[in-house]
């Protein structure tokens, strides 16, 4: 197990915790993550189990259980990158209708598995030339965009979408030059016109979310402060606030949500729901990264959708890199034979095994290690899931208030450890592996310490004990 993450419980082994593992040298802990068993933070809802794109146009080619195993609850789509004959509105009415048909296929798949669908409505319009356009509203002409909007509204009605599970997202990352090279004022007018059209058609029954920015909302972000003032002045405030967490190691949800609430307070805007509708960069889509992001989103009680770093046709396959198949990523789009990867096993454990209620946790001060924890009073079991930001090192997870379970402040518990290795996006991982059972593990002062010896950058770990 030299290449695996070793999670050893330092207070319950009668020997040096690494003495039996040749080649490992004890290292000083670089930080402590906290689990508070007395802090019930609500029922489990697997908030991180959403994906953007990743559903084949023939959704049934992926087995049903591969949607349900990991608690699939949010999908996001709108047809970006689909080629002719589904090129979207800019390519002609027929190509718009074909793209809408494919989007509705994704919606019906989400609905089948009990997931809500976020319609990235802007991408039904098609792919404009980022440098040259034409963009919606160029030269002050909104005629074509308004016709497009009315076509989408008519199709929502003709397809009979349920406004309980079909959400409108007006635009995506227009704060970045990779999608939008027009003034922000043009994007804001696009927002206002679209918002008002959907409100006129569906009233408050339709959920409108945004602005789905690439940058985090904070007072130092000029794009966001301009957006905040505009939507307040023009009374076009989203029902759900959205932004993306895809900048890599500099981001964390505690700071991001705190900065956002400061911005809302500054502009007198409501604390509506939040959805992080893209999270995690490509390098973080390993078992350890998935567990880290699960912990981050659960702490602030915010749902999130995994980022998707594929291009067409892979963008419409692999469930946003949770499953693979033979010859991936070069397999035919309609090929089958799917199998799970390591991250899939993390999300499956998270959705199926971590039952009961959540308890409060805090990441290590360096934000590298984070932990998600649940207590199931019926099964009388505690479960912890820990991940990292692809760093090697040593950390402590301190489990506090065992007395909240009815245990004495000093005693022993039997610990079971599970490893979730990563074999990349395309490698098969059939199940987590055992990393040991530690009977009669001692704890004291109402606290139990778990020491992580992080020996690779991809493995996540779980621990379980009954009470």
Protein backbone atom coordinates (compact mmCIF):
# COMPACT_ATOMS: atom_id res chain seq x y z
CA UNK A 1 0.00 0.00 0.00
CA UNK A 2 2.93 2.35 -0.52
CA UNK A 3 1.03 4.24 -3.20
CA UNK A 4 -2.24 4.42 -1.29
CA UNK A 5 -3.46 6.97 1.20
CA UNK A 6 -3.02 5.41 4.64
CA UNK A 7 -5.56 6.48 7.20
CA UNK A 8 -4.54 5.29 10.62
CA UNK A 9 -6.18 6.01 13.91
CA UNK A 10 -3.27 7.06 16.05
CA UNK A 11 -4.71 6.56 19.51
CA UNK A 12 -5.89 2.98 19.15
CA UNK A 13 -2.88 1.10 17.84
CA UNK A 14 -0.55 -0.37 20.39
CA UNK A 15 2.41 0.20 18.05
CA UNK A 16 3.83 3.01 15.95
CA UNK A 17 1.04 3.51 13.35
CA UNK A 18 3.47 3.20 10.45
CA UNK A 19 5.86 0.62 11.89
CA UNK A 20 4.19 -2.24 10.04
CA UNK A 21 4.29 -0.47 6.66
CA UNK A 22 7.78 -0.67 5.13
CA UNK A 23 9.02 2.47 3.44
CA UNK A 24 6.76 4.94 5.25
CA UNK A 25 8.18 7.62 7.49
CA UNK A 26 6.02 9.38 10.09
CA UNK A 27 5.49 13.06 9.34
CA UNK A 28 4.15 15.94 11.36
CA UNK A 29 0.50 16.76 10.76
CA UNK A 30 0.01 19.82 8.57
CA UNK A 31 -3.49 20.63 9.81
CA UNK A 32 -6.65 19.35 11.44
CA UNK A 33 -10.15 18.95 10.02
CA UNK A 34 -12.99 18.82 12.54
CA UNK A 35 -16.14 16.71 12.85
CA UNK A 36 -18.67 17.73 15.52
CA UNK A 37 -21.06 14.87 16.26
CA UNK A 38 -23.30 17.12 18.39
CA UNK A 39 -24.04 19.50 15.50
CA UNK A 40 -26.95 18.09 13.49
CA UNK A 41 -27.02 20.08 10.23
CA UNK A 42 -30.04 18.40 8.66
CA UNK A 43 -31.04 15.34 6.67
CA UNK A 44 -28.88 13.90 3.92
CA UNK A 45 -29.78 15.03 0.40
CA UNK A 46 -26.56 14.33 -1.56
CA UNK A 47 -26.39 17.95 -2.69
CA UNK A 48 -23.29 17.46 -4.86
CA UNK A 49 -24.90 14.84 -7.14
CA UNK A 50 -25.54 16.99 -10.18
CA UNK A 51 -23.92 17.03 -13.63
CA UNK A 52 -23.71 19.38 -16.58
CA UNK A 53 -24.29 17.66 -19.92
CA UNK A 54 -22.92 14.08 -19.94
CA UNK A 55 -26.25 12.43 -20.87
CA UNK A 56 -26.22 10.63 -24.25
CA UNK A 57 -28.83 11.69 -26.78
CA UNK A 58 -30.05 8.11 -26.38
CA UNK A 59 -30.10 8.23 -22.60
CA UNK A 60 -30.99 4.54 -22.28
CA UNK A 61 -27.61 3.43 -23.61
CA UNK A 62 -26.28 3.99 -20.06
CA UNK A 63 -27.90 1.50 -17.63
CA UNK A 64 -30.52 2.89 -15.28
CA UNK A 65 -28.57 2.04 -12.13
CA UNK A 66 -25.66 4.19 -13.31
CA UNK A 67 -27.93 7.22 -13.01
CA UNK A 68 -29.47 6.26 -9.69
CA UNK A 69 -26.49 4.73 -7.83
CA UNK A 70 -24.97 8.13 -7.06
CA UNK A 71 -28.16 10.05 -6.28
CA UNK A 72 -28.46 12.01 -9.56
CA UNK A 73 -30.58 15.07 -8.74
CA UNK A 74 -29.62 17.92 -11.12
CA UNK A 75 -28.88 18.00 -14.86
CA UNK A 76 -27.96 20.98 -16.99
CA UNK A 77 -28.09 21.20 -20.76
CA UNK A 78 -29.03 23.25 -23.77
CA UNK A 79 -27.39 21.65 -26.78
CA UNK A 80 -24.01 23.44 -26.98
CA UNK A 81 -21.58 22.07 -29.58
CA UNK A 82 -24.21 19.89 -31.25
CA UNK A 83 -23.40 19.96 -34.97
CA UNK A 84 -25.72 20.16 -37.96
CA UNK A 85 -28.55 19.22 -38.24
CA UNK A 86 -28.96 20.43 -34.62
CA UNK A 87 -27.03 23.69 -34.81
CA UNK A 88 -29.57 25.87 -33.03
CA UNK A 89 -31.53 29.00 -33.95
CA UNK A 90 -28.67 30.77 -35.73
CA UNK A 91 -28.48 27.87 -38.19
CA UNK A 92 -32.18 28.06 -39.06
CA UNK A 93 -35.54 27.06 -37.67
CA UNK A 94 -35.17 23.36 -38.47
CA UNK A 95 -31.78 23.19 -36.77
CA UNK A 96 -33.26 24.95 -33.74
CA UNK A 97 -36.10 22.43 -33.61
CA UNK A 98 -33.63 19.54 -33.81
CA UNK A 99 -31.53 20.98 -31.01
CA UNK A 100 -34.63 21.54 -28.90
CA UNK A 101 -35.62 17.91 -29.50
CA UNK A 102 -32.23 16.77 -28.18
CA UNK A 103 -32.51 19.08 -25.16
CA UNK A 104 -35.94 17.67 -24.40
CA UNK A 105 -34.46 14.17 -24.59
CA UNK A 106 -31.99 15.17 -21.87
CA UNK A 107 -34.84 16.72 -19.86
CA UNK A 108 -36.91 13.56 -20.07
CA UNK A 109 -33.92 11.50 -18.94
CA UNK A 110 -33.43 13.76 -15.92
CA UNK A 111 -37.13 13.59 -15.14
CA UNK A 112 -37.11 9.78 -15.37
CA UNK A 113 -34.49 9.57 -12.64
CA UNK A 114 -36.00 12.24 -10.41
CA UNK A 115 -33.51 14.99 -11.27
CA UNK A 116 -34.34 18.61 -12.00
CA UNK A 117 -33.25 19.99 -15.38
CA UNK A 118 -31.59 23.37 -15.87
CA UNK A 119 -32.16 24.58 -19.43
CA UNK A 120 -29.21 26.65 -20.57
CA UNK A 121 -31.54 28.57 -22.82
CA UNK A 122 -28.88 30.76 -24.45
CA UNK A 123 -27.22 27.72 -26.06
CA UNK A 124 -30.41 26.81 -27.91
CA UNK A 125 -29.70 29.97 -29.88
CA UNK A 126 -26.51 28.41 -31.24
CA UNK A 127 -22.80 29.11 -31.27
CA UNK A 128 -21.99 32.64 -32.40
CA UNK A 129 -18.54 33.63 -33.58
CA UNK A 130 -17.06 34.91 -30.32
CA UNK A 131 -14.89 37.49 -32.08
CA UNK A 132 -17.27 38.62 -34.81
CA UNK A 133 -20.78 37.67 -33.74
CA UNK A 134 -23.56 38.14 -34.53
CA UNK A 135 -24.44 38.44 -30.84
CA UNK A 136 -27.95 38.90 -29.49
CA UNK A 137 -28.75 42.62 -29.61
CA UNK A 138 -25.90 43.74 -31.86
CA UNK A 139 -26.46 47.33 -33.00
CA UNK A 140 -29.42 47.54 -30.65
CA UNK A 141 -31.44 45.07 -32.73
CA UNK A 142 -33.20 42.54 -30.51
CA UNK A 143 -35.78 41.35 -33.04
CA UNK A 144 -34.19 37.97 -33.72
CA UNK A 145 -33.49 37.27 -30.05
CA UNK A 146 -37.06 38.13 -29.08
CA UNK A 147 -38.41 35.78 -31.78
CA UNK A 148 -36.12 33.05 -30.49
CA UNK A 149 -37.31 33.61 -26.93
CA UNK A 150 -40.94 33.30 -27.97
CA UNK A 151 -40.13 30.09 -29.86
CA UNK A 152 -38.58 28.61 -26.71
CA UNK A 153 -41.61 29.62 -24.65
CA UNK A 154 -43.96 28.07 -27.21
CA UNK A 155 -41.95 24.85 -27.25
CA UNK A 156 -41.90 24.62 -23.46
CA UNK A 157 -45.69 24.66 -23.63
CA UNK A 158 -45.98 22.25 -26.56
CA UNK A 159 -43.58 19.76 -24.98
CA UNK A 160 -45.53 20.03 -21.73
CA UNK A 161 -42.56 20.66 -19.45
CA UNK A 162 -43.23 20.72 -15.73
CA UNK A 163 -42.21 24.00 -14.17
CA UNK A 164 -41.47 22.08 -10.98
CA UNK A 165 -38.41 20.47 -12.56
CA UNK A 166 -37.56 22.61 -15.63
CA UNK A 167 -35.45 25.65 -14.75
CA UNK A 168 -34.50 28.52 -17.07
CA UNK A 169 -30.93 29.77 -17.12
CA UNK A 170 -30.61 32.85 -19.31
CA UNK A 171 -26.88 32.96 -20.02
CA UNK A 172 -23.56 31.37 -19.14
CA UNK A 173 -20.20 32.96 -18.26
CA UNK A 174 -20.83 36.21 -20.10
CA UNK A 175 -18.36 37.76 -17.66
CA UNK A 176 -15.54 36.01 -19.54
CA UNK A 177 -14.10 36.84 -23.00
CA UNK A 178 -14.13 33.19 -24.07
CA UNK A 179 -17.93 33.44 -24.61
CA UNK A 180 -18.77 37.14 -24.66
CA UNK A 181 -16.91 40.01 -26.34
CA UNK A 182 -19.58 42.64 -26.18
CA UNK A 183 -20.24 45.28 -23.48
CA UNK A 184 -21.72 44.07 -20.22
CA UNK A 185 -24.64 46.42 -20.85
CA UNK A 186 -25.62 44.28 -23.86
CA UNK A 187 -25.61 41.13 -21.72
CA UNK A 188 -27.70 42.89 -19.08
CA UNK A 189 -30.30 43.93 -21.64
CA UNK A 190 -30.37 40.32 -22.85
CA UNK A 191 -31.03 39.28 -19.25
CA UNK A 192 -33.81 41.83 -18.71
CA UNK A 193 -35.67 41.08 -21.95
CA UNK A 194 -35.48 37.33 -21.45
CA UNK A 195 -36.42 37.49 -17.78
CA UNK A 196 -39.47 39.61 -18.50
CA UNK A 197 -40.57 37.37 -21.38
CA UNK A 198 -40.48 34.22 -19.24
CA UNK A 199 -42.22 35.98 -16.35
CA UNK A 200 -44.96 37.21 -18.70
CA UNK A 201 -45.45 33.70 -20.09
CA UNK A 202 -45.26 31.68 -16.87
CA UNK A 203 -45.40 34.13 -13.97
CA UNK A 204 -43.55 33.15 -10.84
CA UNK A 205 -44.18 29.46 -11.56
CA UNK A 206 -41.00 29.31 -13.64
CA UNK A 207 -37.67 29.30 -11.81
CA UNK A 208 -35.11 31.62 -13.38
CA UNK A 209 -31.52 31.29 -12.27
CA UNK A 210 -28.30 33.15 -12.93
CA UNK A 211 -26.03 34.80 -13.72
CA UNK A 212 -23.84 31.65 -13.93
CA UNK A 213 -20.65 33.66 -13.87
CA UNK A 214 -17.15 32.27 -14.10
CA UNK A 215 -16.02 34.72 -11.41
CA UNK A 216 -17.08 34.52 -7.78
CA UNK A 217 -19.53 37.13 -6.47
CA UNK A 218 -17.82 39.68 -4.25
CA UNK A 219 -17.64 43.44 -3.82
CA UNK A 220 -14.26 43.51 -5.56
CA UNK A 221 -15.75 41.93 -8.70
CA UNK A 222 -16.93 44.82 -10.84
CA UNK A 223 -18.96 42.63 -13.17
CA UNK A 224 -20.98 41.34 -10.23
CA UNK A 225 -21.54 44.73 -8.60
CA UNK A 226 -22.82 46.10 -11.91
CA UNK A 227 -25.12 43.09 -12.31
CA UNK A 228 -26.40 43.47 -8.74
CA UNK A 229 -27.29 47.13 -9.18
CA UNK A 230 -28.91 46.50 -12.58
CA UNK A 231 -31.20 43.66 -11.50
CA UNK A 232 -32.29 45.58 -8.42
CA UNK A 233 -33.08 48.70 -10.44
CA UNK A 234 -34.87 46.77 -13.19
CA UNK A 235 -36.64 44.31 -10.87
CA UNK A 236 -35.31 41.19 -12.59
CA UNK A 237 -33.77 39.30 -9.68
CA UNK A 238 -33.12 35.56 -10.21
CA UNK A 239 -34.96 33.02 -8.11
CA UNK A 240 -31.71 31.10 -7.70
CA UNK A 241 -28.26 32.63 -7.65
CA UNK A 242 -25.61 30.76 -9.64
CA UNK A 243 -21.90 30.94 -10.22
CA UNK A 244 -19.07 28.55 -11.03
CA UNK A 245 -16.30 27.22 -8.81
CA UNK A 246 -13.69 26.24 -11.37
CA UNK A 247 -10.56 28.20 -10.60
CA UNK A 248 -8.71 25.35 -8.92
CA UNK A 249 -6.90 25.53 -5.61
CA UNK A 250 -7.73 29.13 -4.68
CA UNK A 251 -11.46 28.57 -4.13
CA UNK A 252 -13.55 27.38 -1.20
CA UNK A 253 -17.25 27.55 -0.49
CA UNK A 254 -17.04 29.14 2.96
CA UNK A 255 -15.32 32.26 1.64
CA UNK A 256 -17.31 32.35 -1.57
CA UNK A 257 -20.72 32.28 0.12
CA UNK A 258 -19.62 34.75 2.79
CA UNK A 259 -18.42 37.19 0.11
CA UNK A 260 -21.68 36.71 -1.76
CA UNK A 261 -23.81 37.51 1.27
CA UNK A 262 -21.78 40.66 1.83
CA UNK A 263 -22.54 41.70 -1.74
CA UNK A 264 -26.26 40.97 -1.31
CA UNK A 265 -26.34 43.03 1.86
CA UNK A 266 -24.60 45.92 0.13
CA UNK A 267 -27.25 46.06 -2.61
CA UNK A 268 -30.26 45.03 -0.53
CA UNK A 269 -30.85 41.86 -2.53
CA UNK A 270 -32.60 38.74 -1.19
CA UNK A 271 -30.90 35.62 0.11
CA UNK A 272 -32.50 33.40 -2.53
CA UNK A 273 -31.30 29.84 -3.11
CA UNK A 274 -27.81 29.22 -4.47
CA UNK A 275 -26.76 26.62 -7.02
CA UNK A 276 -23.11 26.09 -7.97
CA UNK A 277 -23.96 24.90 -11.45
CA UNK A 278 -20.36 24.04 -12.33
CA UNK A 279 -17.77 22.90 -9.81
CA UNK A 280 -14.34 21.30 -10.00
CA UNK A 281 -11.61 21.61 -12.61
CA UNK A 282 -10.55 18.61 -14.69
CA UNK A 283 -7.60 17.72 -12.45
CA UNK A 284 -9.95 17.58 -9.44
CA UNK A 285 -12.13 14.90 -11.01
CA UNK A 286 -10.49 12.08 -9.09
CA UNK A 287 -11.75 10.29 -5.98
CA UNK A 288 -10.05 12.66 -3.53
CA UNK A 289 -11.24 15.74 -5.40
CA UNK A 290 -14.82 14.50 -5.56
CA UNK A 291 -14.89 13.88 -1.80
CA UNK A 292 -13.39 17.34 -1.17
CA UNK A 293 -16.08 19.07 -3.23
CA UNK A 294 -18.85 17.02 -1.62
CA UNK A 295 -17.65 18.24 1.77
CA UNK A 296 -17.48 21.85 0.61
CA UNK A 297 -21.00 21.97 -0.83
CA UNK A 298 -22.61 20.07 2.02
CA UNK A 299 -21.11 22.42 4.60
CA UNK A 300 -22.86 25.47 3.14
CA UNK A 301 -26.01 23.52 2.23
CA UNK A 302 -25.76 24.34 -1.48
CA UNK A 303 -26.40 22.00 -4.42
CA UNK A 304 -23.79 21.72 -7.13
CA UNK A 305 -23.20 20.23 -10.57
CA UNK A 306 -19.94 18.64 -11.65
CA UNK A 307 -18.09 20.51 -14.37
CA UNK A 308 -17.72 18.75 -17.72
CA UNK A 309 -14.37 19.04 -19.48
CA UNK A 310 -15.17 17.04 -22.61
CA UNK A 311 -15.81 18.34 -26.10
CA UNK A 312 -18.35 16.98 -28.54
CA UNK A 313 -19.19 14.08 -28.78
CA UNK A 314 -17.85 13.16 -25.33
CA UNK A 315 -19.68 16.15 -23.87
CA UNK A 316 -22.85 14.09 -24.33
CA UNK A 317 -21.59 10.93 -22.70
CA UNK A 318 -19.91 9.52 -19.59
CA UNK A 319 -22.19 11.32 -17.05
CA UNK A 320 -19.67 14.16 -16.71
CA UNK A 321 -16.79 11.69 -16.26
CA UNK A 322 -18.32 9.39 -13.67
CA UNK A 323 -18.46 6.37 -16.00
CA UNK A 324 -16.32 5.01 -18.80
CA UNK A 325 -16.53 2.35 -21.53
CA UNK A 326 -14.14 0.33 -23.70
CA UNK A 327 -11.85 2.49 -25.87
CA UNK A 328 -12.86 5.71 -24.09
CA UNK A 329 -12.36 8.54 -24.81
CA UNK A 330 -12.21 7.43 -28.44
CA UNK A 331 -15.22 5.11 -28.34
CA UNK A 332 -18.15 5.68 -30.67
CA UNK A 333 -20.80 7.98 -29.23
CA UNK A 334 -23.40 5.20 -29.31
CA UNK A 335 -21.09 2.50 -27.93
CA UNK A 336 -22.09 0.81 -24.68
CA UNK A 337 -20.40 -1.48 -22.16
CA UNK A 338 -20.19 1.18 -19.45
CA UNK A 339 -18.32 0.68 -16.20
CA UNK A 340 -17.72 2.87 -13.12
CA UNK A 341 -14.55 4.79 -12.34
CA UNK A 342 -13.15 5.68 -8.94
CA UNK A 343 -15.10 8.90 -8.48
CA UNK A 344 -18.32 7.06 -9.27
CA UNK A 345 -17.66 4.84 -6.26
CA UNK A 346 -17.19 7.93 -4.06
CA UNK A 347 -20.52 9.41 -5.16
CA UNK A 348 -22.25 6.03 -4.84
CA UNK A 349 -21.03 5.64 -1.26
CA UNK A 350 -22.01 9.25 -0.52
CA UNK A 351 -25.56 8.77 -1.86
CA UNK A 352 -26.32 5.23 -0.73
CA UNK A 353 -24.27 4.56 2.39
CA UNK A 354 -24.14 7.93 4.15
CA UNK A 355 -27.65 7.93 5.59
CA UNK A 356 -29.32 9.60 8.55
CA UNK A 357 -28.38 13.22 9.21
CA UNK A 358 -25.36 15.36 8.47
CA UNK A 359 -23.14 16.73 11.20
CA UNK A 360 -21.02 19.84 11.26
CA UNK A 361 -17.48 19.73 9.91
CA UNK A 362 -14.64 22.13 9.18
CA UNK A 363 -11.79 21.68 6.70
CA UNK A 364 -8.14 21.76 7.64
CA UNK A 365 -6.92 25.36 7.99
CA UNK A 366 -4.87 25.01 4.80
CA UNK A 367 -8.10 23.99 2.97
CA UNK A 368 -6.37 20.94 1.51
CA UNK A 369 -8.27 18.24 3.42
CA UNK A 370 -12.01 18.28 3.96
CA UNK A 371 -14.50 15.84 5.42
CA UNK A 372 -18.22 15.09 5.16
CA UNK A 373 -19.86 13.18 8.00
CA UNK A 374 -23.20 11.57 8.81
CA UNK A 375 -24.85 9.93 11.79
CA UNK A 376 -27.61 7.37 11.31
CA UNK A 377 -29.48 7.00 14.63
CA UNK A 378 -31.48 4.01 13.38
CA UNK A 379 -28.47 2.03 12.18
CA UNK A 380 -26.41 3.54 15.02
CA UNK A 381 -23.42 4.21 12.78
CA UNK A 382 -21.15 7.18 12.08
CA UNK A 383 -19.59 7.58 8.63
CA UNK A 384 -16.87 9.99 7.50
CA UNK A 385 -15.74 10.69 3.93
CA UNK A 386 -12.51 12.64 3.40
CA UNK A 387 -10.85 14.09 0.32
CA UNK A 388 -8.02 16.41 -0.55
CA UNK A 389 -6.96 18.94 -3.16
CA UNK A 390 -4.48 16.61 -4.82
CA UNK A 391 -1.70 17.14 -2.29
CA UNK A 392 0.45 14.68 -0.41
CA UNK A 393 1.05 15.17 3.29
CA UNK A 394 -0.28 14.33 6.72
CA UNK A 395 -3.45 15.67 8.31
CA UNK A 396 -5.62 14.93 11.32
CA UNK A 397 -9.39 14.51 11.38
CA UNK A 398 -10.60 15.21 14.90
CA UNK A 399 -14.00 13.69 15.71
CA UNK A 400 -15.50 15.58 18.65
CA UNK A 401 -18.42 15.06 21.05
CA UNK A 402 -18.74 11.28 20.96
CA UNK A 403 -20.87 11.73 24.07
CA UNK A 404 -23.60 13.17 21.80
CA UNK A 405 -24.07 9.58 20.60
CA UNK A 406 -24.56 8.34 24.14
CA UNK A 407 -20.98 7.10 24.35
CA UNK A 408 -18.81 7.81 27.39
CA UNK A 409 -16.18 10.54 27.03
CA UNK A 410 -13.47 7.87 27.28
CA UNK A 411 -13.76 4.44 25.70
CA UNK A 412 -13.26 2.36 22.59
CA UNK A 413 -14.93 1.93 19.20
CA UNK A 414 -14.38 -0.48 16.31
CA UNK A 415 -13.31 1.38 13.16
CA UNK A 416 -13.73 0.20 9.58
CA UNK A 417 -11.74 1.95 6.83
CA UNK A 418 -12.50 2.04 3.08
CA UNK A 419 -10.26 3.29 0.28
CA UNK A 420 -11.55 4.82 -2.97
CA UNK A 421 -8.64 4.71 -5.41
CA UNK A 422 -8.63 6.68 -8.64
CA UNK A 423 -7.84 5.19 -12.04
CA UNK A 424 -8.55 8.42 -13.91
CA UNK A 425 -11.62 9.19 -15.99
CA UNK A 426 -11.37 6.05 -18.09
CA UNK A 427 -10.11 3.37 -15.68
CA UNK A 428 -12.45 0.83 -14.08
CA UNK A 429 -12.93 0.77 -10.30
CA UNK A 430 -15.52 -1.82 -9.34
CA UNK A 431 -15.79 -1.00 -5.63
CA UNK A 432 -13.93 0.61 -2.75
CA UNK A 433 -11.32 -1.58 -1.07
CA UNK A 434 -10.82 -2.31 2.59
CA UNK A 435 -7.98 -0.50 4.30
CA UNK A 436 -8.40 -2.27 7.57
CA UNK A 437 -10.57 -2.85 10.60
CA UNK A 438 -9.33 -1.44 13.90
CA UNK A 439 -11.09 -3.14 16.84
CA UNK A 440 -11.30 -1.67 20.34
CA UNK A 441 -9.87 1.66 19.26
CA UNK A 442 -9.29 3.97 22.21
CA UNK A 443 -10.39 7.59 22.44
CA UNK A 444 -10.35 10.10 25.28
CA UNK A 445 -11.60 13.55 26.29
CA UNK A 446 -14.67 13.00 24.09
CA UNK A 447 -12.44 13.12 20.98
CA UNK A 448 -11.15 10.64 18.44
CA UNK A 449 -8.22 11.49 16.15
CA UNK A 450 -7.82 10.03 12.67
CA UNK A 451 -4.43 10.60 11.06
CA UNK A 452 -4.24 10.75 7.27
CA UNK A 453 -0.96 9.86 5.64
CA UNK A 454 -1.69 11.10 2.13
CA UNK A 455 0.61 9.10 -0.12
CA UNK A 456 -0.98 9.84 -3.48
CA UNK A 457 -3.12 12.62 -4.89
CA UNK A 458 -6.13 10.63 -6.08
CA UNK A 459 -7.44 8.40 -3.27
CA UNK A 460 -10.34 9.27 -0.99
CA UNK A 461 -11.09 7.45 2.26
CA UNK A 462 -14.06 6.65 4.46
CA UNK A 463 -14.30 5.50 8.07
CA UNK A 464 -17.24 3.91 9.85
CA UNK A 465 -17.93 3.04 13.46
CA UNK A 466 -21.01 1.83 15.28
CA UNK A 467 -22.21 3.03 18.65
